[in-house]
Amino acid sequence: MISLISSISNYIVYSKIIEYSLPIPDSRFPIPYYPLPITHYPLPITHYPLPITR
């Protein structure tokens, strides 16, 4: 479960980084950079204090 949340948060940050680093901000064309592996940005989830109750 933690890895799933980590992957989602990493994907959001990763897509935001790509979104701001694209030279052509045109949303009409599909961006081929989005389905990249999330493992390029292994962000620590220490800033996401999740209570582990299970």
PDB file of N, CA and C in Angstrom:
ATOM      1  N   MET A   1       0.837  -1.204   0.000  1.00  0.00           N
ATOM      2  CA  MET A   1       0.000   0.000   0.000  1.00  0.00           C
ATOM      3  C   MET A   1       0.870   1.251   0.000  1.00  0.00           C
ATOM      4  N   ILE A   2       1.920   1.227   0.774  1.00  0.00           N
ATOM      5  CA  ILE A   2       2.826   2.381   0.809  1.00  0.00           C
ATOM      6  C   ILE A   2       3.477   2.587  -0.551  1.00  0.00           C
ATOM      7  N   SER A   3       3.851   1.491  -1.187  1.00  0.00           N
ATOM      8  CA  SER A   3       4.502   1.616  -2.496  1.00  0.00           C
ATOM      9  C   SER A   3       3.535   2.166  -3.529  1.00  0.00           C
ATOM     10  N   LEU A   4       2.256   1.812  -3.394  1.00  0.00           N
ATOM     11  CA  LEU A   4       1.254   2.330  -4.324  1.00  0.00           C
ATOM     12  C   LEU A   4       1.091   3.837  -4.158  1.00  0.00           C
ATOM     13  N   ILE A   5       0.976   4.284  -2.927  1.00  0.00           N
ATOM     14  CA  ILE A   5       0.859   5.722  -2.656  1.00  0.00           C
ATOM     15  C   ILE A   5       2.127   6.444  -3.091  1.00  0.00           C
ATOM     16  N   SER A   6       3.257   5.837  -2.848  1.00  0.00           N
ATOM     17  CA  SER A   6       4.527   6.422  -3.256  1.00  0.00           C
ATOM     18  C   SER A   6       4.596   6.548  -4.766  1.00  0.00           C
ATOM     19  N   SER A   7       4.143   5.509  -5.464  1.00  0.00           N
ATOM     20  CA  SER A   7       4.175   5.540  -6.925  1.00  0.00           C
ATOM     21  C   SER A   7       3.255   6.618  -7.475  1.00  0.00           C
ATOM     22  N   ILE A   8       2.089   6.744  -6.874  1.00  0.00           N
ATOM     23  CA  ILE A   8       1.146   7.772  -7.336  1.00  0.00           C
ATOM     24  C   ILE A   8       1.705   9.167  -7.093  1.00  0.00           C
ATOM     25  N   SER A   9       2.243   9.406  -5.913  1.00  0.00           N
ATOM     26  CA  SER A   9       2.789  10.729  -5.614  1.00  0.00           C
ATOM     27  C   SER A   9       4.004  11.026  -6.479  1.00  0.00           C
ATOM     28  N   ASN A  10       4.833  10.007  -6.711  1.00  0.00           N
ATOM     29  CA  ASN A  10       5.982  10.194  -7.591  1.00  0.00           C
ATOM     30  C   ASN A  10       5.534  10.489  -9.008  1.00  0.00           C
ATOM     31  N   TYR A  11       4.475   9.816  -9.451  1.00  0.00           N
ATOM     32  CA  TYR A  11       3.981  10.046 -10.807  1.00  0.00           C
ATOM     33  C   TYR A  11       3.442  11.455 -10.964  1.00  0.00           C
ATOM     34  N   ILE A  12       2.774  11.954  -9.941  1.00  0.00           N
ATOM     35  CA  ILE A  12       2.245  13.319  -9.996  1.00  0.00           C
ATOM     36  C   ILE A  12       3.387  14.326 -10.068  1.00  0.00           C
ATOM     37  N   VAL A  13       4.371  14.166  -9.223  1.00  0.00           N
ATOM     38  CA  VAL A  13       5.522  15.079  -9.231  1.00  0.00           C
ATOM     39  C   VAL A  13       6.284  14.958 -10.537  1.00  0.00           C
ATOM     40  N   TYR A  14       6.451  13.715 -10.984  1.00  0.00           N
ATOM     41  CA  TYR A  14       7.202  13.466 -12.216  1.00  0.00           C
ATOM     42  C   TYR A  14       6.511  14.100 -13.411  1.00  0.00           C
ATOM     43  N   SER A  15       5.189  13.973 -13.493  1.00  0.00           N
ATOM     44  CA  SER A  15       4.479  14.567 -14.612  1.00  0.00           C
ATOM     45  C   SER A  15       4.465  16.084 -14.526  1.00  0.00           C
ATOM     46  N   LYS A  16       4.486  16.624 -13.302  1.00  0.00           N
ATOM     47  CA  LYS A  16       4.578  18.078 -13.165  1.00  0.00           C
ATOM     48  C   LYS A  16       5.946  18.578 -13.629  1.00  0.00           C
ATOM     49  N   ILE A  17       6.995  17.837 -13.293  1.00  0.00           N
ATOM     50  CA  ILE A  17       8.338  18.218 -13.733  1.00  0.00           C
ATOM     51  C   ILE A  17       8.420  18.188 -15.251  1.00  0.00           C
ATOM     52  N   ILE A  18       7.869  17.150 -15.846  1.00  0.00           N
ATOM     53  CA  ILE A  18       7.878  17.047 -17.309  1.00  0.00           C
ATOM     54  C   ILE A  18       7.028  18.153 -17.918  1.00  0.00           C
ATOM     55  N   GLU A  19       5.905  18.434 -17.283  1.00  0.00           N
ATOM     56  CA  GLU A  19       4.991  19.435 -17.808  1.00  0.00           C
ATOM     57  C   GLU A  19       5.659  20.808 -17.878  1.00  0.00           C
ATOM     58  N   TYR A  20       6.468  21.128 -16.879  1.00  0.00           N
ATOM     59  CA  TYR A  20       7.128  22.428 -16.873  1.00  0.00           C
ATOM     60  C   TYR A  20       8.438  22.426 -17.646  1.00  0.00           C
ATOM     61  N   SER A  21       8.927  21.250 -18.022  1.00  0.00           N
ATOM     62  CA  SER A  21      10.195  21.206 -18.741  1.00  0.00           C
ATOM     63  C   SER A  21      10.010  20.989 -20.234  1.00  0.00           C
ATOM     64  N   LEU A  22       8.759  20.865 -20.671  1.00  0.00           N
ATOM     65  CA  LEU A  22       8.533  20.690 -22.103  1.00  0.00           C
ATOM     66  C   LEU A  22       8.746  22.016 -22.823  1.00  0.00           C
ATOM     67  N   PRO A  23       9.470  21.987 -23.933  1.00  0.00           N
ATOM     68  CA  PRO A  23       9.732  23.235 -24.650  1.00  0.00           C
ATOM     69  C   PRO A  23       8.501  23.773 -25.363  1.00  0.00           C
ATOM     70  N   ILE A  24       7.612  22.887 -25.808  1.00  0.00           N
ATOM     71  CA  ILE A  24       6.424  23.325 -26.544  1.00  0.00           C
ATOM     72  C   ILE A  24       5.181  23.036 -25.705  1.00  0.00           C
ATOM     73  N   PRO A  25       4.618  24.039 -25.066  1.00  0.00           N
ATOM     74  CA  PRO A  25       3.424  23.815 -24.246  1.00  0.00           C
ATOM     75  C   PRO A  25       2.160  23.728 -25.086  1.00  0.00           C
ATOM     76  N   ASP A  26       2.037  22.666 -25.843  1.00  0.00           N
ATOM     77  CA  ASP A  26       0.863  22.487 -26.681  1.00  0.00           C
ATOM     78  C   ASP A  26       0.141  21.234 -26.213  1.00  0.00           C
ATOM     79  N   SER A  27      -1.065  21.393 -25.753  1.00  0.00           N
ATOM     80  CA  SER A  27      -1.792  20.260 -25.191  1.00  0.00           C
ATOM     81  C   SER A  27      -2.577  19.492 -26.247  1.00  0.00           C
ATOM     82  N   ARG A  28      -2.511  19.933 -27.492  1.00  0.00           N
ATOM     83  CA  ARG A  28      -3.261  19.229 -28.531  1.00  0.00           C
ATOM     84  C   ARG A  28      -2.561  17.945 -28.950  1.00  0.00           C
ATOM     85  N   PHE A  29      -1.251  17.891 -28.749  1.00  0.00           N
ATOM     86  CA  PHE A  29      -0.503  16.702 -29.141  1.00  0.00           C
ATOM     87  C   PHE A  29      -0.266  15.819 -27.922  1.00  0.00           C
ATOM     88  N   PRO A  30      -0.361  14.519 -28.123  1.00  0.00           N
ATOM     89  CA  PRO A  30      -0.067  13.617 -26.996  1.00  0.00           C
ATOM     90  C   PRO A  30       1.408  13.671 -26.631  1.00  0.00           C
ATOM     91  N   ILE A  31       1.677  13.710 -25.350  1.00  0.00           N
ATOM     92  CA  ILE A  31       3.056  13.813 -24.881  1.00  0.00           C
ATOM     93  C   ILE A  31       3.617  12.408 -24.686  1.00  0.00           C
ATOM     94  N   PRO A  32       4.630  12.043 -25.439  1.00  0.00           N
ATOM     95  CA  PRO A  32       5.155  10.672 -25.343  1.00  0.00           C
ATOM     96  C   PRO A  32       6.054  10.463 -24.127  1.00  0.00           C
ATOM     97  N   TYR A  33       6.242  11.510 -23.325  1.00  0.00           N
ATOM     98  CA  TYR A  33       7.148  11.377 -22.185  1.00  0.00           C
ATOM     99  C   TYR A  33       6.420  10.934 -20.927  1.00  0.00           C
ATOM    100  N   TYR A  34       5.102  10.952 -20.942  1.00  0.00           N
ATOM    101  CA  TYR A  34       4.355  10.653 -19.728  1.00  0.00           C
ATOM    102  C   TYR A  34       4.434   9.206 -19.270  1.00  0.00           C
ATOM    103  N   PRO A  35       4.384   8.209 -20.184  1.00  0.00           N
ATOM    104  CA  PRO A  35       4.427   6.826 -19.680  1.00  0.00           C
ATOM    105  C   PRO A  35       5.823   6.323 -19.331  1.00  0.00           C
ATOM    106  N   LEU A  36       6.667   7.179 -18.846  1.00  0.00           N
ATOM    107  CA  LEU A  36       7.998   6.749 -18.421  1.00  0.00           C
ATOM    108  C   LEU A  36       7.909   6.083 -17.051  1.00  0.00           C
ATOM    109  N   PRO A  37       8.866   5.224 -16.752  1.00  0.00           N
ATOM    110  CA  PRO A  37       8.860   4.601 -15.423  1.00  0.00           C
ATOM    111  C   PRO A  37       9.014   5.642 -14.313  1.00  0.00           C
ATOM    112  N   ILE A  38       8.349   5.402 -13.232  1.00  0.00           N
ATOM    113  CA  ILE A  38       8.389   6.354 -12.120  1.00  0.00           C
ATOM    114  C   ILE A  38       9.666   6.178 -11.313  1.00  0.00           C
ATOM    115  N   THR A  39      10.403   5.128 -11.599  1.00  0.00           N
ATOM    116  CA  THR A  39      11.588   4.839 -10.792  1.00  0.00           C
ATOM    117  C   THR A  39      12.697   5.862 -10.992  1.00  0.00           C
ATOM    118  N   HIS A  40      12.531   6.737 -11.972  1.00  0.00           N
ATOM    119  CA  HIS A  40      13.536   7.774 -12.176  1.00  0.00           C
ATOM    120  C   HIS A  40      13.501   8.802 -11.049  1.00  0.00           C
ATOM    121  N   TYR A  41      12.360   8.930 -10.419  1.00  0.00           N
ATOM    122  CA  TYR A  41      12.226   9.891  -9.331  1.00  0.00           C
ATOM    123  C   TYR A  41      11.797   9.171  -8.060  1.00  0.00           C
ATOM    124  N   PRO A  42      12.722   8.478  -7.408  1.00  0.00           N
ATOM    125  CA  PRO A  42      12.356   7.808  -6.150  1.00  0.00           C
ATOM    126  C   PRO A  42      12.286   8.812  -5.000  1.00  0.00           C
ATOM    127  N   LEU A  43      11.140   9.416  -4.840  1.00  0.00           N
ATOM    128  CA  LEU A  43      10.996  10.432  -3.804  1.00  0.00           C
ATOM    129  C   LEU A  43      10.690   9.779  -2.463  1.00  0.00           C
ATOM    130  N   PRO A  44      11.299  10.263  -1.418  1.00  0.00           N
ATOM    131  CA  PRO A  44      10.964   9.739  -0.091  1.00  0.00           C
ATOM    132  C   PRO A  44       9.581  10.220   0.338  1.00  0.00           C
ATOM    133  N   ILE A  45       8.848   9.344   0.962  1.00  0.00           N
ATOM    134  CA  ILE A  45       7.495   9.720   1.381  1.00  0.00           C
ATOM    135  C   ILE A  45       7.489  10.108   2.855  1.00  0.00           C
ATOM    136  N   THR A  46       8.595  10.676   3.294  1.00  0.00           N
ATOM    137  CA  THR A  46       8.665  11.097   4.692  1.00  0.00           C
ATOM    138  C   THR A  46       7.820  12.336   4.936  1.00  0.00           C
ATOM    139  N   HIS A  47       7.549  13.091   3.878  1.00  0.00           N
ATOM    140  CA  HIS A  47       6.702  14.262   4.055  1.00  0.00           C
ATOM    141  C   HIS A  47       5.231  13.885   3.933  1.00  0.00           C
ATOM    142  N   TYR A  48       4.951  12.595   3.805  1.00  0.00           N
ATOM    143  CA  TYR A  48       3.574  12.117   3.824  1.00  0.00           C
ATOM    144  C   TYR A  48       3.392  11.230   5.056  1.00  0.00           C
ATOM    145  N   PRO A  49       3.103  11.821   6.192  1.00  0.00           N
ATOM    146  CA  PRO A  49       2.934  11.018   7.412  1.00  0.00           C
ATOM    147  C   PRO A  49       1.660  10.182   7.354  1.00  0.00           C
ATOM    148  N   LEU A  50       1.809   8.927   6.966  1.00  0.00           N
ATOM    149  CA  LEU A  50       0.649   8.050   6.852  1.00  0.00           C
ATOM    150  C   LEU A  50       0.573   7.139   8.068  1.00  0.00           C
ATOM    151  N   PRO A  51      -0.540   7.158   8.753  1.00  0.00           N
ATOM    152  CA  PRO A  51      -0.697   6.252   9.891  1.00  0.00           C
ATOM    153  C   PRO A  51      -0.901   4.816   9.416  1.00  0.00           C
ATOM    154  N   ILE A  52      -0.010   3.947   9.812  1.00  0.00           N
ATOM    155  CA  ILE A  52      -0.120   2.544   9.412  1.00  0.00           C
ATOM    156  C   ILE A  52      -0.893   1.804  10.498  1.00  0.00           C
ATOM    157  N   THR A  53      -2.146   1.522  10.213  1.00  0.00           N
ATOM    158  CA  THR A  53      -2.997   0.898  11.229  1.00  0.00           C
ATOM    159  C   THR A  53      -3.276  -0.565  10.916  1.00  0.00           C
ATOM    160  N   ARG A  54      -2.880  -1.032   9.731  1.00  0.00           N
ATOM    161  CA  ARG A  54      -3.184  -2.421   9.384  1.00  0.00           C
ATOM    162  C   ARG A  54      -1.961  -3.284   9.596  1.00  0.00           C
TER     163      ARG A  54
END
